[in-house]
Amino acid sequence: MSESPRVDVILSVDDPGRFAETIGAAQAVGLTVTSEQPLLGTAAGTIAEDRIPLLRAVEGVEAVERARTIRLPPPEPPDR
C-alpha cells in the first residue's frame, strides 16, 4: 500500500499556553513541523494527505488549512 502524498498545512492552536503540548500531539499523528509561531498560536508543516482528519482531531488543534501559494505576474515595465 502506497503512502498518501504529503501536503503543506497551517494549523492553529486553540490555547497558545498549551502550544508545545498540542504540537507534540500533532507530530505524533504524522505532522512534520517546518515553522512555529507560538505567540500567534500557529504552525506550518507537512503531513500525508490521508492523515489530515487525524490532525484535525488532535486535542487543542483549532483549525487545519492547506497552505496555498499565490503567484503574481512580474510587474510591467514603466511607460516611457
N, C-alpha and C. Protein backbone atom coordinates (compact mmCIF):
# COMPACT_ATOMS: atom_id res chain seq x y z
N MET A 1 0.85 -1.19 0.00
CA MET A 1 0.00 0.00 0.00
C MET A 1 0.89 1.24 0.00
N SER A 2 0.67 2.16 -0.93
CA SER A 2 1.49 3.35 -1.02
C SER A 2 0.97 4.43 -0.08
N GLU A 3 1.89 5.25 0.39
CA GLU A 3 1.52 6.33 1.29
C GLU A 3 0.92 7.47 0.51
N SER A 4 -0.03 8.13 1.12
CA SER A 4 -0.68 9.30 0.54
C SER A 4 0.37 10.40 0.34
N PRO A 5 0.22 11.23 -0.70
CA PRO A 5 1.19 12.33 -0.90
C PRO A 5 1.15 13.31 0.27
N ARG A 6 2.30 13.90 0.54
CA ARG A 6 2.38 14.88 1.63
C ARG A 6 1.91 16.24 1.10
N VAL A 7 1.24 16.97 1.97
CA VAL A 7 0.74 18.30 1.62
C VAL A 7 1.19 19.29 2.68
N ASP A 8 1.32 20.55 2.28
CA ASP A 8 1.66 21.62 3.21
C ASP A 8 0.40 22.08 3.91
N VAL A 9 0.50 22.24 5.24
CA VAL A 9 -0.65 22.70 6.02
C VAL A 9 -0.22 23.77 7.01
N ILE A 10 -1.20 24.54 7.43
CA ILE A 10 -1.03 25.51 8.50
C ILE A 10 -2.08 25.16 9.54
N LEU A 11 -1.67 25.04 10.79
CA LEU A 11 -2.65 24.74 11.82
C LEU A 11 -2.64 25.82 12.88
N SER A 12 -3.78 26.02 13.50
CA SER A 12 -3.87 26.97 14.61
C SER A 12 -4.26 26.20 15.86
N VAL A 13 -3.68 26.65 16.96
CA VAL A 13 -3.86 26.02 18.26
C VAL A 13 -4.87 26.87 19.05
N ASP A 14 -5.82 26.20 19.73
CA ASP A 14 -6.86 26.96 20.42
C ASP A 14 -6.38 27.60 21.72
N ASP A 15 -5.29 27.11 22.33
CA ASP A 15 -4.77 27.68 23.57
C ASP A 15 -3.26 27.82 23.45
N PRO A 16 -2.77 29.03 23.13
CA PRO A 16 -1.32 29.21 22.98
C PRO A 16 -0.52 28.78 24.21
N GLY A 17 -1.15 28.75 25.38
CA GLY A 17 -0.48 28.29 26.59
C GLY A 17 -0.15 26.80 26.55
N ARG A 18 -0.82 26.06 25.69
CA ARG A 18 -0.58 24.62 25.53
C ARG A 18 0.02 24.33 24.15
N PHE A 19 0.68 25.33 23.57
CA PHE A 19 1.21 25.21 22.21
C PHE A 19 2.13 23.99 22.07
N ALA A 20 3.13 23.88 22.92
CA ALA A 20 4.11 22.79 22.78
C ALA A 20 3.44 21.42 22.90
N GLU A 21 2.52 21.30 23.84
CA GLU A 21 1.80 20.03 24.03
C GLU A 21 0.97 19.67 22.79
N THR A 22 0.28 20.67 22.24
CA THR A 22 -0.55 20.43 21.06
C THR A 22 0.30 20.08 19.84
N ILE A 23 1.40 20.78 19.65
CA ILE A 23 2.29 20.49 18.52
C ILE A 23 2.89 19.10 18.66
N GLY A 24 3.24 18.71 19.87
CA GLY A 24 3.76 17.37 20.10
C GLY A 24 2.74 16.30 19.72
N ALA A 25 1.47 16.53 20.07
CA ALA A 25 0.41 15.58 19.71
C ALA A 25 0.19 15.55 18.21
N ALA A 26 0.32 16.72 17.55
CA ALA A 26 0.18 16.78 16.09
C ALA A 26 1.31 16.01 15.41
N GLN A 27 2.51 16.11 15.96
CA GLN A 27 3.64 15.36 15.40
C GLN A 27 3.42 13.86 15.58
N ALA A 28 2.78 13.47 16.65
CA ALA A 28 2.53 12.05 16.91
C ALA A 28 1.61 11.42 15.86
N VAL A 29 0.75 12.24 15.22
CA VAL A 29 -0.13 11.70 14.17
C VAL A 29 0.46 11.89 12.78
N GLY A 30 1.70 12.44 12.69
CA GLY A 30 2.37 12.49 11.41
C GLY A 30 2.77 13.85 10.89
N LEU A 31 2.51 14.92 11.64
CA LEU A 31 2.90 16.25 11.17
C LEU A 31 4.41 16.44 11.29
N THR A 32 5.03 16.89 10.21
CA THR A 32 6.43 17.32 10.24
C THR A 32 6.40 18.84 10.26
N VAL A 33 6.82 19.42 11.37
CA VAL A 33 6.75 20.87 11.55
C VAL A 33 7.89 21.54 10.79
N THR A 34 7.55 22.56 10.00
CA THR A 34 8.57 23.31 9.28
C THR A 34 8.78 24.70 9.87
N SER A 35 7.77 25.23 10.56
CA SER A 35 7.93 26.50 11.26
C SER A 35 6.87 26.61 12.35
N GLU A 36 7.24 27.31 13.41
CA GLU A 36 6.33 27.52 14.54
C GLU A 36 6.23 29.00 14.84
N GLN A 37 5.04 29.43 15.18
CA GLN A 37 4.79 30.80 15.62
C GLN A 37 4.00 30.73 16.93
N PRO A 38 4.66 30.37 18.04
CA PRO A 38 3.94 30.13 19.29
C PRO A 38 3.17 31.35 19.81
N LEU A 39 3.69 32.55 19.60
CA LEU A 39 2.98 33.73 20.07
C LEU A 39 1.66 33.93 19.33
N LEU A 40 1.62 33.49 18.07
CA LEU A 40 0.39 33.58 17.27
C LEU A 40 -0.47 32.34 17.42
N GLY A 41 0.12 31.27 17.96
CA GLY A 41 -0.62 30.02 18.10
C GLY A 41 -0.79 29.28 16.78
N THR A 42 0.20 29.40 15.89
CA THR A 42 0.13 28.72 14.59
C THR A 42 1.44 27.98 14.31
N ALA A 43 1.32 26.99 13.44
CA ALA A 43 2.49 26.25 12.98
C ALA A 43 2.24 25.82 11.55
N ALA A 44 3.32 25.64 10.81
CA ALA A 44 3.23 25.15 9.44
C ALA A 44 4.00 23.85 9.37
N GLY A 45 3.58 22.99 8.44
CA GLY A 45 4.28 21.74 8.28
C GLY A 45 3.74 20.93 7.13
N THR A 46 4.17 19.68 7.06
CA THR A 46 3.68 18.77 6.03
C THR A 46 3.13 17.53 6.71
N ILE A 47 2.16 16.90 6.04
CA ILE A 47 1.55 15.68 6.54
C ILE A 47 0.99 14.91 5.36
N ALA A 48 0.92 13.59 5.49
CA ALA A 48 0.29 12.79 4.44
C ALA A 48 -1.17 13.22 4.33
N GLU A 49 -1.62 13.40 3.12
CA GLU A 49 -2.97 13.92 2.88
C GLU A 49 -4.05 13.12 3.59
N ASP A 50 -3.90 11.79 3.62
CA ASP A 50 -4.93 10.98 4.25
C ASP A 50 -4.91 11.03 5.78
N ARG A 51 -3.93 11.73 6.36
CA ARG A 51 -3.85 11.87 7.83
C ARG A 51 -4.39 13.21 8.32
N ILE A 52 -4.84 14.07 7.40
CA ILE A 52 -5.38 15.37 7.80
C ILE A 52 -6.56 15.21 8.78
N PRO A 53 -7.49 14.27 8.56
CA PRO A 53 -8.57 14.12 9.55
C PRO A 53 -8.05 13.79 10.96
N LEU A 54 -6.98 13.00 11.05
CA LEU A 54 -6.39 12.71 12.37
C LEU A 54 -5.80 13.97 12.98
N LEU A 55 -5.17 14.80 12.16
CA LEU A 55 -4.60 16.05 12.65
C LEU A 55 -5.69 16.98 13.16
N ARG A 56 -6.80 17.06 12.43
CA ARG A 56 -7.91 17.91 12.86
C ARG A 56 -8.52 17.44 14.18
N ALA A 57 -8.40 16.14 14.47
CA ALA A 57 -8.98 15.57 15.68
C ALA A 57 -8.08 15.70 16.91
N VAL A 58 -6.85 16.18 16.73
CA VAL A 58 -5.93 16.32 17.86
C VAL A 58 -6.50 17.36 18.83
N GLU A 59 -6.51 17.00 20.11
CA GLU A 59 -7.00 17.94 21.12
C GLU A 59 -6.11 19.18 21.12
N GLY A 60 -6.73 20.35 21.05
CA GLY A 60 -6.00 21.61 21.05
C GLY A 60 -5.82 22.21 19.66
N VAL A 61 -6.05 21.42 18.61
CA VAL A 61 -5.95 21.95 17.25
C VAL A 61 -7.29 22.60 16.92
N GLU A 62 -7.25 23.90 16.67
CA GLU A 62 -8.48 24.64 16.36
C GLU A 62 -8.86 24.52 14.89
N ALA A 63 -7.85 24.60 14.00
CA ALA A 63 -8.13 24.56 12.56
C ALA A 63 -6.91 24.07 11.81
N VAL A 64 -7.16 23.42 10.67
CA VAL A 64 -6.10 22.97 9.77
C VAL A 64 -6.49 23.43 8.37
N GLU A 65 -5.57 24.13 7.72
CA GLU A 65 -5.81 24.58 6.35
C GLU A 65 -4.64 24.17 5.48
N ARG A 66 -4.93 23.86 4.24
CA ARG A 66 -3.85 23.61 3.29
C ARG A 66 -3.17 24.95 2.99
N ALA A 67 -1.86 24.93 2.97
CA ALA A 67 -1.11 26.14 2.61
C ALA A 67 -1.30 26.37 1.12
N ARG A 68 -1.39 27.63 0.74
CA ARG A 68 -1.56 27.98 -0.67
C ARG A 68 -0.43 28.87 -1.13
N THR A 69 -0.04 28.69 -2.36
CA THR A 69 0.98 29.55 -2.96
C THR A 69 0.28 30.45 -3.98
N ILE A 70 0.52 31.71 -3.84
CA ILE A 70 -0.06 32.67 -4.78
C ILE A 70 1.07 33.25 -5.61
N ARG A 71 0.93 33.14 -6.90
CA ARG A 71 1.96 33.66 -7.81
C ARG A 71 1.41 34.88 -8.55
N LEU A 72 2.17 35.94 -8.49
CA LEU A 72 1.79 37.16 -9.18
C LEU A 72 2.63 37.28 -10.45
N PRO A 73 2.06 37.87 -11.50
CA PRO A 73 2.87 38.07 -12.71
C PRO A 73 3.94 39.13 -12.43
N PRO A 74 5.02 39.11 -13.19
CA PRO A 74 6.04 40.14 -12.99
C PRO A 74 5.46 41.52 -13.31
N PRO A 75 6.00 42.54 -12.67
CA PRO A 75 5.48 43.89 -12.94
C PRO A 75 5.75 44.29 -14.39
N GLU A 76 4.85 45.07 -14.92
CA GLU A 76 5.05 45.58 -16.28
C GLU A 76 6.06 46.71 -16.23
N PRO A 77 6.87 46.83 -17.28
CA PRO A 77 7.84 47.94 -17.27
C PRO A 77 7.08 49.28 -17.36
N PRO A 78 7.66 50.30 -16.77
CA PRO A 78 7.00 51.61 -16.82
C PRO A 78 6.95 52.15 -18.24
N ASP A 79 5.91 52.91 -18.54
CA ASP A 79 5.81 53.55 -19.85
C ASP A 79 6.87 54.65 -19.95
N ARG A 80 7.43 54.78 -21.12
CA ARG A 80 8.45 55.83 -21.32
C ARG A 80 7.92 56.94 -22.14
